[in-house]
Amino acid sequence: RQDLALMLASPASILFAARHADFGDEIIGLATLILYRVPTGLRGYIED
């Protein structure tokens, strides 16, 4: 629970979730976008 809260609070981590009507209100998918800056510019990376 603590790691999840820390991830959601991080400006670098953007978590997306999905629901599908066939599964009611249950979250049935996740994906994380990481955005971070380095000397050569803004980078984006998709995880999990």
All heavy atoms as atom14 arrays in JSON, in Angstrom:
{
  "sequence": "RQDLALMLASPASILFAARHADFGDEIIGLATLILYRVPTGLRGYIED",
  "atom14_mask": [
    [1, 1, 1, 1, 1, 1, 1, 1, 1, 1, 1, 0, 0, 0],
    [1, 1, 1, 1, 1, 1, 1, 1, 1, 0, 0, 0, 0, 0],
    [1, 1, 1, 1, 1, 1, 1, 1, 0, 0, 0, 0, 0, 0],
    [1, 1, 1, 1, 1, 1, 1, 1, 0, 0, 0, 0, 0, 0],
    [1, 1, 1, 1, 1, 0, 0, 0, 0, 0, 0, 0, 0, 0],
    [1, 1, 1, 1, 1, 1, 1, 1, 0, 0, 0, 0, 0, 0],
    [1, 1, 1, 1, 1, 1, 1, 1, 0, 0, 0, 0, 0, 0],
    [1, 1, 1, 1, 1, 1, 1, 1, 0, 0, 0, 0, 0, 0],
    [1, 1, 1, 1, 1, 0, 0, 0, 0, 0, 0, 0, 0, 0],
    [1, 1, 1, 1, 1, 1, 0, 0, 0, 0, 0, 0, 0, 0],
    [1, 1, 1, 1, 1, 1, 1, 0, 0, 0, 0, 0, 0, 0],
    [1, 1, 1, 1, 1, 0, 0, 0, 0, 0, 0, 0, 0, 0],
    [1, 1, 1, 1, 1, 1, 0, 0, 0, 0, 0, 0, 0, 0],
    [1, 1, 1, 1, 1, 1, 1, 1, 0, 0, 0, 0, 0, 0],
    [1, 1, 1, 1, 1, 1, 1, 1, 0, 0, 0, 0, 0, 0],
    [1, 1, 1, 1, 1, 1, 1, 1, 1, 1, 1, 0, 0, 0],
    [1, 1, 1, 1, 1, 0, 0, 0, 0, 0, 0, 0, 0, 0],
    [1, 1, 1, 1, 1, 0, 0, 0, 0, 0, 0, 0, 0, 0],
    [1, 1, 1, 1, 1, 1, 1, 1, 1, 1, 1, 0, 0, 0],
    [1, 1, 1, 1, 1, 1, 1, 1, 1, 1, 0, 0, 0, 0],
    [1, 1, 1, 1, 1, 0, 0, 0, 0, 0, 0, 0, 0, 0],
    [1, 1, 1, 1, 1, 1, 1, 1, 0, 0, 0, 0, 0, 0],
    [1, 1, 1, 1, 1, 1, 1, 1, 1, 1, 1, 0, 0, 0],
    [1, 1, 1, 1, 0, 0, 0, 0, 0, 0, 0, 0, 0, 0],
    [1, 1, 1, 1, 1, 1, 1, 1, 0, 0, 0, 0, 0, 0],
    [1, 1, 1, 1, 1, 1, 1, 1, 1, 0, 0, 0, 0, 0],
    [1, 1, 1, 1, 1, 1, 1, 1, 0, 0, 0, 0, 0, 0],
    [1, 1, 1, 1, 1, 1, 1, 1, 0, 0, 0, 0, 0, 0],
    [1, 1, 1, 1, 0, 0, 0, 0, 0, 0, 0, 0, 0, 0],
    [1, 1, 1, 1, 1, 1, 1, 1, 0, 0, 0, 0, 0, 0],
    [1, 1, 1, 1, 1, 0, 0, 0, 0, 0, 0, 0, 0, 0],
    [1, 1, 1, 1, 1, 1, 1, 0, 0, 0, 0, 0, 0, 0],
    [1, 1, 1, 1, 1, 1, 1, 1, 0, 0, 0, 0, 0, 0],
    [1, 1, 1, 1, 1, 1, 1, 1, 0, 0, 0, 0, 0, 0],
    [1, 1, 1, 1, 1, 1, 1, 1, 0, 0, 0, 0, 0, 0],
    [1, 1, 1, 1, 1, 1, 1, 1, 1, 1, 1, 1, 0, 0],
    [1, 1, 1, 1, 1, 1, 1, 1, 1, 1, 1, 0, 0, 0],
    [1, 1, 1, 1, 1, 1, 1, 0, 0, 0, 0, 0, 0, 0],
    [1, 1, 1, 1, 1, 1, 1, 0, 0, 0, 0, 0, 0, 0],
    [1, 1, 1, 1, 1, 1, 1, 0, 0, 0, 0, 0, 0, 0],
    [1, 1, 1, 1, 0, 0, 0, 0, 0, 0, 0, 0, 0, 0],
    [1, 1, 1, 1, 1, 1, 1, 1, 0, 0, 0, 0, 0, 0],
    [1, 1, 1, 1, 1, 1, 1, 1, 1, 1, 1, 0, 0, 0],
    [1, 1, 1, 1, 0, 0, 0, 0, 0, 0, 0, 0, 0, 0],
    [1, 1, 1, 1, 1, 1, 1, 1, 1, 1, 1, 1, 0, 0],
    [1, 1, 1, 1, 1, 1, 1, 1, 0, 0, 0, 0, 0, 0],
    [1, 1, 1, 1, 1, 1, 1, 1, 1, 0, 0, 0, 0, 0],
    [1, 1, 1, 1, 1, 1, 1, 1, 0, 0, 0, 0, 0, 0]
  ],
  "atom14_positions": [
    [[0.84, -1.2, 0.0], [0.0, 0.0, 0.0], [0.88, 1.25, 0.0], [0.59, 2.22, -0.7], [-0.94, -0.01, 1.2], [-2.11, -0.95, 1.05], [-3.0, -0.95, 2.29], [-4.14, -1.79, 2.12], [-4.14, -3.12, 2.29], [-3.04, -3.74, 2.66], [-5.25, -3.81, 2.11], [0.0, 0.0, 0.0], [0.0, 0.0, 0.0], [0.0, 0.0, 0.0]],
    [[1.95, 1.22, 0.78], [2.85, 2.36, 0.85], [3.56, 2.6, -0.49], [3.65, 3.73, -0.95], [3.89, 2.16, 1.95], [4.85, 3.33, 2.07], [5.9, 3.14, 3.14], [6.02, 2.08, 3.73], [6.68, 4.18, 3.4], [0.0, 0.0, 0.0], [0.0, 0.0, 0.0], [0.0, 0.0, 0.0], [0.0, 0.0, 0.0], [0.0, 0.0, 0.0]],
    [[4.04, 1.53, -1.14], [4.7, 1.67, -2.44], [3.74, 2.21, -3.49], [4.12, 3.03, -4.33], [5.3, 0.35, -2.91], [6.54, -0.05, -2.12], [7.2, 0.84, -1.54], [6.84, -1.25, -2.1], [0.0, 0.0, 0.0], [0.0, 0.0, 0.0], [0.0, 0.0, 0.0], [0.0, 0.0, 0.0], [0.0, 0.0, 0.0], [0.0, 0.0, 0.0]],
    [[2.51, 1.75, -3.46], [1.5, 2.24, -4.4], [1.26, 3.73, -4.19], [1.24, 4.51, -5.14], [0.19, 1.45, -4.24], [-0.96, 1.86, -5.16], [-0.58, 1.7, -6.64], [-2.2, 1.04, -4.83], [0.0, 0.0, 0.0], [0.0, 0.0, 0.0], [0.0, 0.0, 0.0], [0.0, 0.0, 0.0], [0.0, 0.0, 0.0], [0.0, 0.0, 0.0]],
    [[1.13, 4.15, -2.94], [0.92, 5.57, -2.63], [2.12, 6.41, -3.08], [1.94, 7.5, -3.65], [0.66, 5.76, -1.14], [0.0, 0.0, 0.0], [0.0, 0.0, 0.0], [0.0, 0.0, 0.0], [0.0, 0.0, 0.0], [0.0, 0.0, 0.0], [0.0, 0.0, 0.0], [0.0, 0.0, 0.0], [0.0, 0.0, 0.0], [0.0, 0.0, 0.0]],
    [[3.33, 5.91, -2.86], [4.52, 6.64, -3.29], [4.58, 6.76, -4.81], [4.93, 7.83, -5.34], [5.78, 5.95, -2.77], [6.04, 6.06, -1.27], [7.17, 5.12, -0.85], [6.36, 7.51, -0.89], [0.0, 0.0, 0.0], [0.0, 0.0, 0.0], [0.0, 0.0, 0.0], [0.0, 0.0, 0.0], [0.0, 0.0, 0.0], [0.0, 0.0, 0.0]],
    [[4.24, 5.7, -5.51], [4.25, 5.74, -6.96], [3.23, 6.76, -7.47], [3.53, 7.57, -8.36], [3.94, 4.37, -7.55], [3.95, 4.37, -9.07], [3.38, 2.84, -9.8], [1.66, 2.88, -9.37], [0.0, 0.0, 0.0], [0.0, 0.0, 0.0], [0.0, 0.0, 0.0], [0.0, 0.0, 0.0], [0.0, 0.0, 0.0], [0.0, 0.0, 0.0]],
    [[2.03, 6.74, -6.93], [0.98, 7.66, -7.37], [1.33, 9.1, -7.03], [0.91, 10.02, -7.75], [-0.36, 7.27, -6.75], [-0.93, 5.92, -7.21], [-2.17, 5.56, -6.41], [-1.21, 5.91, -8.7], [0.0, 0.0, 0.0], [0.0, 0.0, 0.0], [0.0, 0.0, 0.0], [0.0, 0.0, 0.0], [0.0, 0.0, 0.0], [0.0, 0.0, 0.0]],
    [[2.1, 9.32, -5.98], [2.49, 10.67, -5.58], [3.66, 11.2, -6.41], [3.9, 12.41, -6.45], [2.86, 10.7, -4.1], [0.0, 0.0, 0.0], [0.0, 0.0, 0.0], [0.0, 0.0, 0.0], [0.0, 0.0, 0.0], [0.0, 0.0, 0.0], [0.0, 0.0, 0.0], [0.0, 0.0, 0.0], [0.0, 0.0, 0.0], [0.0, 0.0, 0.0]],
    [[4.38, 10.32, -7.07], [5.55, 10.73, -7.86], [5.12, 11.45, -9.13], [4.31, 10.93, -9.9], [6.38, 9.51, -8.23], [7.38, 9.88, -9.17], [0.0, 0.0, 0.0], [0.0, 0.0, 0.0], [0.0, 0.0, 0.0], [0.0, 0.0, 0.0], [0.0, 0.0, 0.0], [0.0, 0.0, 0.0], [0.0, 0.0, 0.0], [0.0, 0.0, 0.0]],
    [[5.69, 12.63, -9.4], [5.35, 13.31, -10.65], [5.9, 12.59, -11.89], [5.47, 12.86, -13.01], [5.98, 14.7, -10.49], [7.04, 14.52, -9.46], [6.6, 13.4, -8.57], [0.0, 0.0, 0.0], [0.0, 0.0, 0.0], [0.0, 0.0, 0.0], [0.0, 0.0, 0.0], [0.0, 0.0, 0.0], [0.0, 0.0, 0.0], [0.0, 0.0, 0.0]],
    [[6.82, 11.66, -11.7], [7.41, 10.93, -12.82], [6.58, 9.73, -13.26], [6.71, 9.26, -14.38], [8.82, 10.46, -12.47], [0.0, 0.0, 0.0], [0.0, 0.0, 0.0], [0.0, 0.0, 0.0], [0.0, 0.0, 0.0], [0.0, 0.0, 0.0], [0.0, 0.0, 0.0], [0.0, 0.0, 0.0], [0.0, 0.0, 0.0], [0.0, 0.0, 0.0]],
    [[5.7, 9.22, -12.4], [4.93, 8.01, -12.69], [3.46, 8.36, -12.91], [2.83, 8.96, -12.05], [5.01, 7.03, -11.52], [6.34, 6.65, -11.27], [0.0, 0.0, 0.0], [0.0, 0.0, 0.0], [0.0, 0.0, 0.0], [0.0, 0.0, 0.0], [0.0, 0.0, 0.0], [0.0, 0.0, 0.0], [0.0, 0.0, 0.0], [0.0, 0.0, 0.0]],
    [[2.95, 7.95, -14.05], [1.54, 8.16, -14.36], [0.92, 6.79, -14.59], [1.3, 6.08, -15.52], [1.35, 9.06, -15.61], [1.95, 10.44, -15.36], [-0.12, 9.21, -15.95], [3.31, 10.62, -15.93], [0.0, 0.0, 0.0], [0.0, 0.0, 0.0], [0.0, 0.0, 0.0], [0.0, 0.0, 0.0], [0.0, 0.0, 0.0], [0.0, 0.0, 0.0]],
    [[0.0, 6.41, -13.73], [-0.63, 5.1, -13.8], [-2.0, 5.21, -14.47], [-2.82, 6.04, -14.08], [-0.8, 4.5, -12.4], [-1.42, 3.12, -12.31], [-0.53, 2.06, -12.98], [-1.7, 2.73, -10.86], [0.0, 0.0, 0.0], [0.0, 0.0, 0.0], [0.0, 0.0, 0.0], [0.0, 0.0, 0.0], [0.0, 0.0, 0.0], [0.0, 0.0, 0.0]],
    [[-2.21, 4.38, -15.49], [-3.5, 4.29, -16.14], [-4.13, 2.94, -15.8], [-3.43, 1.94, -15.66], [-3.36, 4.43, -17.67], [-2.98, 5.81, -18.08], [-1.65, 6.14, -18.28], [-3.95, 6.8, -18.25], [-1.29, 7.43, -18.65], [-3.6, 8.08, -18.61], [-2.26, 8.4, -18.82], [0.0, 0.0, 0.0], [0.0, 0.0, 0.0], [0.0, 0.0, 0.0]],
    [[-5.44, 2.94, -15.64], [-6.18, 1.73, -15.33], [-7.33, 1.59, -16.31], [-7.77, 2.58, -16.92], [-6.71, 1.78, -13.89], [0.0, 0.0, 0.0], [0.0, 0.0, 0.0], [0.0, 0.0, 0.0], [0.0, 0.0, 0.0], [0.0, 0.0, 0.0], [0.0, 0.0, 0.0], [0.0, 0.0, 0.0], [0.0, 0.0, 0.0], [0.0, 0.0, 0.0]],
    [[-7.8, 0.36, -16.46], [-8.9, 0.1, -17.4], [-9.98, -0.73, -16.73], [-9.69, -1.61, -15.9], [-8.37, -0.63, -18.64], [0.0, 0.0, 0.0], [0.0, 0.0, 0.0], [0.0, 0.0, 0.0], [0.0, 0.0, 0.0], [0.0, 0.0, 0.0], [0.0, 0.0, 0.0], [0.0, 0.0, 0.0], [0.0, 0.0, 0.0], [0.0, 0.0, 0.0]],
    [[-11.2, -0.42, -17.14], [-12.37, -1.22, -16.77], [-13.07, -1.61, -18.06], [-13.05, -0.86, -19.04], [-13.33, -0.42, -15.91], [-12.86, -0.13, -14.51], [-14.02, 0.47, -13.7], [-13.64, 0.65, -12.33], [-13.18, 1.79, -11.81], [-13.06, 2.86, -12.57], [-12.85, 1.87, -10.55], [0.0, 0.0, 0.0], [0.0, 0.0, 0.0], [0.0, 0.0, 0.0]],
    [[-13.73, -2.76, -18.03], [-14.54, -3.19, -19.16], [-15.89, -3.62, -18.6], [-15.97, -4.31, -17.58], [-13.87, -4.35, -19.9], [-14.48, -4.64, -21.23], [-15.67, -5.3, -21.36], [-14.06, -4.32, -22.49], [-15.97, -5.41, -22.64], [-15.01, -4.81, -23.35], [0.0, 0.0, 0.0], [0.0, 0.0, 0.0], [0.0, 0.0, 0.0], [0.0, 0.0, 0.0]],
    [[-16.96, -3.21, -19.27], [-18.31, -3.48, -18.78], [-18.56, -4.96, -18.52], [-19.33, -5.31, -17.62], [-19.34, -2.94, -19.77], [0.0, 0.0, 0.0], [0.0, 0.0, 0.0], [0.0, 0.0, 0.0], [0.0, 0.0, 0.0], [0.0, 0.0, 0.0], [0.0, 0.0, 0.0], [0.0, 0.0, 0.0], [0.0, 0.0, 0.0], [0.0, 0.0, 0.0]],
    [[-17.91, -5.83, -19.27], [-18.1, -7.27, -19.05], [-17.59, -7.73, -17.7], [-17.89, -8.85, -17.28], [-17.41, -8.07, -20.15], [-18.1, -7.94, -21.5], [-19.22, -7.38, -21.55], [-17.52, -8.39, -22.51], [0.0, 0.0, 0.0], [0.0, 0.0, 0.0], [0.0, 0.0, 0.0], [0.0, 0.0, 0.0], [0.0, 0.0, 0.0], [0.0, 0.0, 0.0]],
    [[-16.8, -6.89, -17.01], [-16.23, -7.25, -15.72], [-16.69, -6.3, -14.62], [-16.05, -6.18, -13.58], [-14.69, -7.26, -15.81], [-14.19, -8.25, -16.82], [-14.02, -7.9, -18.14], [-13.95, -9.57, -16.45], [-13.59, -8.82, -19.08], [-13.52, -10.5, -17.38], [-13.34, -10.13, -18.7], [0.0, 0.0, 0.0], [0.0, 0.0, 0.0], [0.0, 0.0, 0.0]],
    [[-17.8, -5.62, -14.85], [-18.37, -4.72, -13.84], [-17.44, -3.56, -13.58], [-16.86, -2.98, -14.51], [0.0, 0.0, 0.0], [0.0, 0.0, 0.0], [0.0, 0.0, 0.0], [0.0, 0.0, 0.0], [0.0, 0.0, 0.0], [0.0, 0.0, 0.0], [0.0, 0.0, 0.0], [0.0, 0.0, 0.0], [0.0, 0.0, 0.0], [0.0, 0.0, 0.0]],
    [[-17.27, -3.22, -12.32], [-16.42, -2.1, -11.93], [-14.98, -2.52, -11.67], [-14.16, -1.7, -11.27], [-16.97, -1.43, -10.67], [-18.23, -0.62, -10.96], [-18.39, -0.2, -12.13], [-19.03, -0.42, -10.03], [0.0, 0.0, 0.0], [0.0, 0.0, 0.0], [0.0, 0.0, 0.0], [0.0, 0.0, 0.0], [0.0, 0.0, 0.0], [0.0, 0.0, 0.0]],
    [[-14.66, -3.78, -11.87], [-13.34, -4.3, -11.57], [-12.28, -3.71, -12.51], [-12.49, -3.62, -13.71], [-13.36, -5.83, -11.74], [-12.11, -6.52, -11.31], [-12.25, -8.04, -11.41], [-13.12, -8.53, -12.16], [-11.48, -8.72, -10.74], [0.0, 0.0, 0.0], [0.0, 0.0, 0.0], [0.0, 0.0, 0.0], [0.0, 0.0, 0.0], [0.0, 0.0, 0.0]],
    [[-11.16, -3.3, -11.95], [-10.03, -2.86, -12.76], [-9.41, -4.1, -13.39], [-9.01, -5.02, -12.69], [-9.0, -2.09, -11.92], [-9.6, -0.77, -11.43], [-7.71, -1.85, -12.72], [-8.73, -0.01, -10.45], [0.0, 0.0, 0.0], [0.0, 0.0, 0.0], [0.0, 0.0, 0.0], [0.0, 0.0, 0.0], [0.0, 0.0, 0.0], [0.0, 0.0, 0.0]],
    [[-9.34, -4.13, -14.71], [-8.85, -5.32, -15.41], [-7.59, -5.06, -16.22], [-7.11, -5.95, -16.93], [-9.96, -5.95, -16.29], [-10.72, -4.92, -17.14], [-10.95, -6.72, -15.45], [-10.04, -4.61, -18.4], [0.0, 0.0, 0.0], [0.0, 0.0, 0.0], [0.0, 0.0, 0.0], [0.0, 0.0, 0.0], [0.0, 0.0, 0.0], [0.0, 0.0, 0.0]],
    [[-7.01, -3.87, -16.07], [-5.76, -3.58, -16.76], [-5.06, -2.38, -16.16], [-5.71, -1.49, -15.6], [0.0, 0.0, 0.0], [0.0, 0.0, 0.0], [0.0, 0.0, 0.0], [0.0, 0.0, 0.0], [0.0, 0.0, 0.0], [0.0, 0.0, 0.0], [0.0, 0.0, 0.0], [0.0, 0.0, 0.0], [0.0, 0.0, 0.0], [0.0, 0.0, 0.0]],
    [[-3.73, -2.38, -16.29], [-2.9, -1.29, -15.79], [-1.76, -1.02, -16.76], [-1.31, -1.94, -17.46], [-2.27, -1.65, -14.43], [-3.2, -1.92, -13.26], [-2.4, -2.49, -12.09], [-3.91, -0.64, -12.85], [0.0, 0.0, 0.0], [0.0, 0.0, 0.0], [0.0, 0.0, 0.0], [0.0, 0.0, 0.0], [0.0, 0.0, 0.0], [0.0, 0.0, 0.0]],
    [[-1.28, 0.19, -16.79], [-0.07, 0.55, -17.53], [0.51, 1.8, -16.88], [-0.23, 2.67, -16.42], [-0.38, 0.82, -19.0], [0.0, 0.0, 0.0], [0.0, 0.0, 0.0], [0.0, 0.0, 0.0], [0.0, 0.0, 0.0], [0.0, 0.0, 0.0], [0.0, 0.0, 0.0], [0.0, 0.0, 0.0], [0.0, 0.0, 0.0], [0.0, 0.0, 0.0]],
    [[1.83, 1.88, -16.85], [2.5, 3.02, -16.24], [3.36, 3.74, -17.27], [4.15, 3.11, -17.97], [3.4, 2.56, -15.07], [2.62, 1.78, -14.16], [3.99, 3.75, -14.33], [0.0, 0.0, 0.0], [0.0, 0.0, 0.0], [0.0, 0.0, 0.0], [0.0, 0.0, 0.0], [0.0, 0.0, 0.0], [0.0, 0.0, 0.0], [0.0, 0.0, 0.0]],
    [[3.2, 5.04, -17.33], [4.06, 5.89, -18.13], [5.03, 6.59, -17.19], [4.6, 7.16, -16.19], [3.24, 6.94, -18.89], [4.03, 8.03, -19.61], [4.85, 7.45, -20.76], [3.1, 9.13, -20.1], [0.0, 0.0, 0.0], [0.0, 0.0, 0.0], [0.0, 0.0, 0.0], [0.0, 0.0, 0.0], [0.0, 0.0, 0.0], [0.0, 0.0, 0.0]],
    [[6.3, 6.54, -17.52], [7.32, 7.24, -16.76], [7.81, 8.39, -17.62], [8.19, 8.2, -18.78], [8.52, 6.31, -16.43], [8.05, 5.0, -15.8], [9.54, 7.03, -15.57], [7.27, 5.13, -14.54], [0.0, 0.0, 0.0], [0.0, 0.0, 0.0], [0.0, 0.0, 0.0], [0.0, 0.0, 0.0], [0.0, 0.0, 0.0], [0.0, 0.0, 0.0]],
    [[7.78, 9.6, -17.09], [8.32, 10.78, -17.76], [9.43, 11.35, -16.9], [9.24, 11.58, -15.71], [7.23, 11.83, -17.97], [6.14, 11.51, -18.97], [5.05, 12.57, -18.93], [6.72, 11.4, -20.38], [0.0, 0.0, 0.0], [0.0, 0.0, 0.0], [0.0, 0.0, 0.0], [0.0, 0.0, 0.0], [0.0, 0.0, 0.0], [0.0, 0.0, 0.0]],
    [[10.61, 11.55, -17.5], [11.74, 12.08, -16.76], [12.63, 12.91, -17.67], [12.66, 12.71, -18.89], [12.52, 10.95, -16.09], [13.08, 9.92, -17.05], [14.41, 9.97, -17.45], [12.28, 8.9, -17.55], [14.92, 9.03, -18.34], [12.78, 7.96, -18.42], [14.1, 8.03, -18.82], [14.6, 7.1, -19.69], [0.0, 0.0, 0.0], [0.0, 0.0, 0.0]],
    [[13.34, 13.83, -17.09], [14.22, 14.71, -17.84], [15.67, 14.32, -17.63], [16.08, 14.01, -16.52], [14.02, 16.17, -17.43], [12.65, 16.68, -17.81], [12.56, 18.2, -17.77], [11.25, 18.59, -18.26], [10.95, 18.78, -19.53], [11.88, 18.64, -20.45], [9.73, 19.13, -19.91], [0.0, 0.0, 0.0], [0.0, 0.0, 0.0], [0.0, 0.0, 0.0]],
    [[16.4, 14.34, -18.73], [17.85, 14.11, -18.74], [18.46, 15.25, -19.55], [17.73, 16.02, -20.2], [18.19, 12.73, -19.34], [17.65, 11.6, -18.45], [17.65, 12.57, -20.75], [0.0, 0.0, 0.0], [0.0, 0.0, 0.0], [0.0, 0.0, 0.0], [0.0, 0.0, 0.0], [0.0, 0.0, 0.0], [0.0, 0.0, 0.0], [0.0, 0.0, 0.0]],
    [[19.79, 15.39, -19.55], [20.4, 16.51, -20.28], [20.01, 16.57, -21.77], [19.99, 17.66, -22.35], [21.9, 16.27, -20.12], [22.01, 15.59, -18.8], [20.79, 14.68, -18.75], [0.0, 0.0, 0.0], [0.0, 0.0, 0.0], [0.0, 0.0, 0.0], [0.0, 0.0, 0.0], [0.0, 0.0, 0.0], [0.0, 0.0, 0.0], [0.0, 0.0, 0.0]],
    [[19.65, 15.45, -22.35], [19.29, 15.45, -23.77], [17.79, 15.6, -24.01], [17.34, 15.5, -25.15], [19.81, 14.18, -24.46], [19.32, 13.03, -23.76], [21.34, 14.16, -24.49], [0.0, 0.0, 0.0], [0.0, 0.0, 0.0], [0.0, 0.0, 0.0], [0.0, 0.0, 0.0], [0.0, 0.0, 0.0], [0.0, 0.0, 0.0], [0.0, 0.0, 0.0]],
    [[17.02, 15.83, -22.97], [15.6, 16.11, -23.16], [14.67, 15.26, -22.33], [15.08, 14.49, -21.46], [0.0, 0.0, 0.0], [0.0, 0.0, 0.0], [0.0, 0.0, 0.0], [0.0, 0.0, 0.0], [0.0, 0.0, 0.0], [0.0, 0.0, 0.0], [0.0, 0.0, 0.0], [0.0, 0.0, 0.0], [0.0, 0.0, 0.0], [0.0, 0.0, 0.0]],
    [[13.39, 15.41, -22.62], [12.34, 14.68, -21.93], [12.25, 13.26, -22.49], [12.24, 13.06, -23.7], [11.0, 15.4, -22.11], [9.78, 14.78, -21.42], [9.95, 14.79, -19.91], [8.52, 15.55, -21.82], [0.0, 0.0, 0.0], [0.0, 0.0, 0.0], [0.0, 0.0, 0.0], [0.0, 0.0, 0.0], [0.0, 0.0, 0.0], [0.0, 0.0, 0.0]],
    [[12.19, 12.29, -21.63], [12.07, 10.89, -22.02], [10.75, 10.33, -21.51], [10.29, 10.65, -20.42], [13.2, 10.06, -21.42], [14.58, 10.44, -21.88], [14.84, 9.88, -23.27], [16.18, 10.17, -23.68], [16.53, 11.19, -24.44], [15.62, 12.04, -24.86], [17.78, 11.38, -24.78], [0.0, 0.0, 0.0], [0.0, 0.0, 0.0], [0.0, 0.0, 0.0]],
    [[10.19, 9.44, -22.3], [8.99, 8.72, -21.9], [9.26, 7.23, -22.0], [9.95, 6.77, -22.91], [0.0, 0.0, 0.0], [0.0, 0.0, 0.0], [0.0, 0.0, 0.0], [0.0, 0.0, 0.0], [0.0, 0.0, 0.0], [0.0, 0.0, 0.0], [0.0, 0.0, 0.0], [0.0, 0.0, 0.0], [0.0, 0.0, 0.0], [0.0, 0.0, 0.0]],
    [[8.75, 6.49, -21.04], [8.94, 5.05, -21.02], [7.68, 4.4, -20.47], [7.12, 4.87, -19.48], [10.15, 4.69, -20.14], [10.83, 3.43, -20.58], [11.74, 3.44, -21.63], [10.53, 2.22, -19.98], [12.36, 2.28, -22.06], [11.14, 1.06, -20.4], [12.05, 1.09, -21.43], [12.64, -0.07, -21.86], [0.0, 0.0, 0.0], [0.0, 0.0, 0.0]],
    [[7.23, 3.35, -21.13], [6.04, 2.63, -20.67], [6.5, 1.36, -19.95], [7.35, 0.62, -20.45], [5.12, 2.27, -21.85], [4.59, 3.55, -22.5], [3.96, 1.38, -21.38], [3.8, 3.33, -23.78], [0.0, 0.0, 0.0], [0.0, 0.0, 0.0], [0.0, 0.0, 0.0], [0.0, 0.0, 0.0], [0.0, 0.0, 0.0], [0.0, 0.0, 0.0]],
    [[5.94, 1.13, -18.79], [6.28, -0.03, -17.97], [5.01, -0.77, -17.54], [3.94, -0.16, -17.4], [7.01, 0.4, -16.69], [8.4, 0.93, -16.89], [9.45, -0.17, -16.99], [9.1, -1.36, -16.89], [10.62, 0.17, -17.18], [0.0, 0.0, 0.0], [0.0, 0.0, 0.0], [0.0, 0.0, 0.0], [0.0, 0.0, 0.0], [0.0, 0.0, 0.0]],
    [[5.14, -2.04, -17.33], [4.12, -2.85, -16.67], [2.73, -2.71, -17.27], [1.76, -2.38, -16.58], [4.08, -2.55, -15.16], [5.38, -2.92, -14.46], [6.23, -3.59, -15.09], [5.56, -2.55, -13.28], [0.0, 0.0, 0.0], [0.0, 0.0, 0.0], [0.0, 0.0, 0.0], [0.0, 0.0, 0.0], [0.0, 0.0, 0.0], [0.0, 0.0, 0.0]]
  ]
}
